[in-house]
Amino acid sequence: MIRIGQGFDVHKLEPGEGLTLGGLWIPCAHRVVAHSDGDIVLHALMDAMLGSLALGDIGLLFPDTDPKFKGADSAELTRQVRHLCLGKGYAPSNVDVTILCETPKIGPVREAMRQCLADVLEMPVDRVSVKASTTERLGFVGRGEGIAVMAVCLMHSH
């Protein structure tokens, strides 16, 4: 049996020295405003995995009102979500992520990000897709005020 889930997340950007996306630290002129480490790629991916099995979302599992998740490592949280899904009899089959941002440029780090995601999910890198798009300078993303990520995850029973 297969199940599919989608995830979406948005975070505000502010001036800074860099941000974490897909498990990678990327130096740039911004930082993400977030309770955890702000890895929006992993946040959307976790929501896609949880959604595929109707298990809620990361706000339910890791509420931003709980001080123990302040600065939390999203890669570790993703491992916990993967473990939860495995306990329900499902594992990720493939993932597809689209990052919407003007900056940082994703192209130079795309392959490293794919490998990072594959490592966190314990799956072959050829089952991990990372794409990026600008919004042609339209909206909050285009003005550099925020970043958005869409993720889809296909899960298979094991």
Protein backbone atom coordinates (compact mmCIF):
# COMPACT_ATOMS: atom_id res chain seq x y z
CA MET A 1 0.00 0.00 0.00
CA ILE A 2 1.17 3.53 -0.74
CA ARG A 3 0.19 6.87 0.78
CA ILE A 4 1.07 10.40 -0.23
CA GLY A 5 1.35 13.58 1.82
CA GLN A 6 2.14 17.19 1.14
CA GLY A 7 3.75 19.78 3.36
CA PHE A 8 4.04 23.54 3.17
CA ASP A 9 5.84 25.99 5.40
CA VAL A 10 6.70 29.69 5.42
CA HIS A 11 9.16 31.57 7.58
CA LYS A 12 10.03 35.22 7.85
CA LEU A 13 13.55 36.33 6.93
CA GLU A 14 15.55 39.01 8.69
CA PRO A 15 19.13 40.25 8.32
CA GLY A 16 21.63 37.67 9.51
CA GLU A 17 24.64 35.56 8.61
CA GLY A 18 22.98 32.51 7.10
CA LEU A 19 20.33 29.85 7.47
CA THR A 20 19.83 26.11 7.56
CA LEU A 21 17.98 24.52 4.64
CA GLY A 22 17.65 20.79 4.09
CA GLY A 23 20.18 20.09 6.83
CA LEU A 24 22.81 22.43 5.36
CA TRP A 25 24.13 25.69 6.79
CA ILE A 26 24.10 28.22 3.94
CA PRO A 27 25.95 31.50 4.53
CA CYS A 28 23.97 34.47 3.22
CA ALA A 29 22.73 37.91 4.31
CA HIS A 30 19.59 36.53 6.01
CA ARG A 31 18.44 34.32 8.83
CA VAL A 32 15.10 32.60 9.40
CA VAL A 33 12.88 33.74 12.26
CA ALA A 34 11.84 30.51 14.01
CA HIS A 35 11.46 28.75 17.35
CA SER A 36 13.59 25.79 16.24
CA ASP A 37 16.62 25.98 13.95
CA GLY A 38 14.20 27.18 11.25
CA ASP A 39 15.01 24.50 8.66
CA ILE A 40 11.92 25.15 6.59
CA VAL A 41 12.78 22.37 4.11
CA LEU A 42 12.71 19.74 6.85
CA HIS A 43 9.60 21.32 8.39
CA ALA A 44 7.65 20.96 5.13
CA LEU A 45 9.04 17.46 4.62
CA MET A 46 8.00 16.34 8.12
CA ASP A 47 4.49 17.69 7.50
CA ALA A 48 4.34 15.76 4.21
CA MET A 49 5.37 12.53 5.96
CA LEU A 50 2.93 13.06 8.82
CA GLY A 51 0.14 14.05 6.46
CA SER A 52 0.58 10.89 4.40
CA LEU A 53 -0.39 8.84 7.46
CA ALA A 54 -2.94 11.32 8.87
CA LEU A 55 -0.74 11.89 11.94
CA GLY A 56 -1.23 15.64 12.21
CA ASP A 57 1.61 18.09 11.71
CA ILE A 58 4.82 19.24 13.35
CA GLY A 59 2.98 21.86 15.40
CA LEU A 60 1.14 19.02 17.10
CA LEU A 61 4.25 16.89 17.71
CA PHE A 62 6.77 19.67 18.37
CA PRO A 63 4.82 22.77 19.48
CA ASP A 64 6.62 26.10 19.32
CA THR A 65 5.12 26.89 22.71
CA ASP A 66 7.26 24.16 24.31
CA PRO A 67 10.64 25.51 25.49
CA LYS A 68 12.32 22.13 24.90
CA PHE A 69 12.04 22.72 21.14
CA LYS A 70 13.71 26.15 21.28
CA GLY A 71 16.59 25.94 18.79
CA ALA A 72 15.78 22.27 18.09
CA ASP A 73 17.72 20.45 15.38
CA SER A 74 15.18 19.84 12.61
CA ALA A 75 17.23 16.93 11.26
CA GLU A 76 16.80 15.15 14.60
CA LEU A 77 13.08 15.95 14.62
CA THR A 78 12.82 14.53 11.09
CA ARG A 79 14.50 11.33 12.26
CA GLN A 80 11.87 11.11 15.01
CA VAL A 81 9.06 11.57 12.46
CA ARG A 82 10.62 8.88 10.24
CA HIS A 83 10.79 6.55 13.25
CA LEU A 84 7.13 7.27 14.06
CA CYS A 85 6.15 6.44 10.47
CA LEU A 86 8.21 3.24 10.54
CA GLY A 87 6.33 2.29 13.70
CA LYS A 88 3.08 2.66 11.75
CA GLY A 89 4.47 0.34 9.05
CA TYR A 90 5.49 2.97 6.46
CA ALA A 91 8.75 4.31 5.09
CA PRO A 92 9.43 7.15 2.65
CA SER A 93 9.64 5.95 -0.93
CA ASN A 94 10.56 9.26 -2.52
CA VAL A 95 10.40 12.96 -1.71
CA ASP A 96 10.08 16.06 -3.85
CA VAL A 97 10.83 19.50 -2.40
CA THR A 98 10.39 22.94 -3.99
CA ILE A 99 12.02 25.93 -2.29
CA LEU A 100 10.60 29.36 -3.11
CA CYS A 101 13.12 32.12 -2.45
CA GLU A 102 15.07 34.94 -4.06
CA THR A 103 18.09 34.26 -1.89
CA PRO A 104 20.08 32.19 -1.12
CA LYS A 105 20.66 30.58 -4.49
CA ILE A 106 19.90 26.87 -4.20
CA GLY A 107 21.65 25.65 -7.37
CA PRO A 108 25.17 25.61 -5.89
CA VAL A 109 24.04 23.54 -2.86
CA ARG A 110 21.32 21.41 -4.46
CA GLU A 111 23.30 18.16 -4.67
CA ALA A 112 24.68 18.49 -1.13
CA MET A 113 21.14 19.19 0.11
CA ARG A 114 19.78 16.13 -1.69
CA GLN A 115 22.46 14.00 -0.02
CA CYS A 116 21.73 15.53 3.39
CA LEU A 117 18.01 14.78 3.05
CA ALA A 118 18.76 11.25 1.85
CA ASP A 119 21.00 10.69 4.87
CA VAL A 120 18.40 11.98 7.34
CA LEU A 121 15.67 9.84 5.74
CA GLU A 122 18.00 6.84 5.28
CA MET A 123 17.09 6.46 1.63
CA PRO A 124 18.98 6.52 -1.69
CA VAL A 125 19.74 10.01 -3.00
CA ASP A 126 18.12 9.15 -6.35
CA ARG A 127 14.76 9.19 -4.53
CA VAL A 128 15.22 12.77 -3.30
CA SER A 129 14.38 15.74 -5.51
CA VAL A 130 15.16 19.35 -4.60
CA LYS A 131 14.04 22.17 -6.84
CA ALA A 132 13.99 25.92 -6.38
CA SER A 133 12.13 28.82 -7.89
CA THR A 134 11.90 32.53 -7.42
CA THR A 135 8.56 34.31 -7.53
CA GLU A 136 9.82 36.82 -10.12
CA ARG A 137 10.13 39.39 -7.32
CA LEU A 138 6.40 39.16 -6.58
CA GLY A 139 4.90 38.89 -3.09
CA PHE A 140 6.65 38.44 0.25
CA VAL A 141 9.10 35.92 -1.25
CA GLY A 142 9.97 38.23 -4.12
CA ARG A 143 10.57 41.13 -1.76
CA GLY A 144 12.95 38.97 0.30
CA GLU A 145 10.71 39.09 3.38
CA GLY A 146 10.29 35.34 3.63
CA ILE A 147 10.93 31.90 2.25
CA ALA A 148 8.43 29.14 1.47
CA VAL A 149 8.80 25.41 0.84
CA MET A 150 6.44 22.82 -0.62
CA ALA A 151 7.15 19.13 -0.12
CA VAL A 152 5.55 15.90 -1.27
CA CYS A 153 6.37 12.49 0.16
CA LEU A 154 5.27 9.12 -1.13
CA MET A 155 5.21 6.48 1.61
CA HIS A 156 5.14 2.71 1.13
CA SER A 157 4.27 -0.02 3.57
CA HIS A 158 7.21 -2.15 4.59
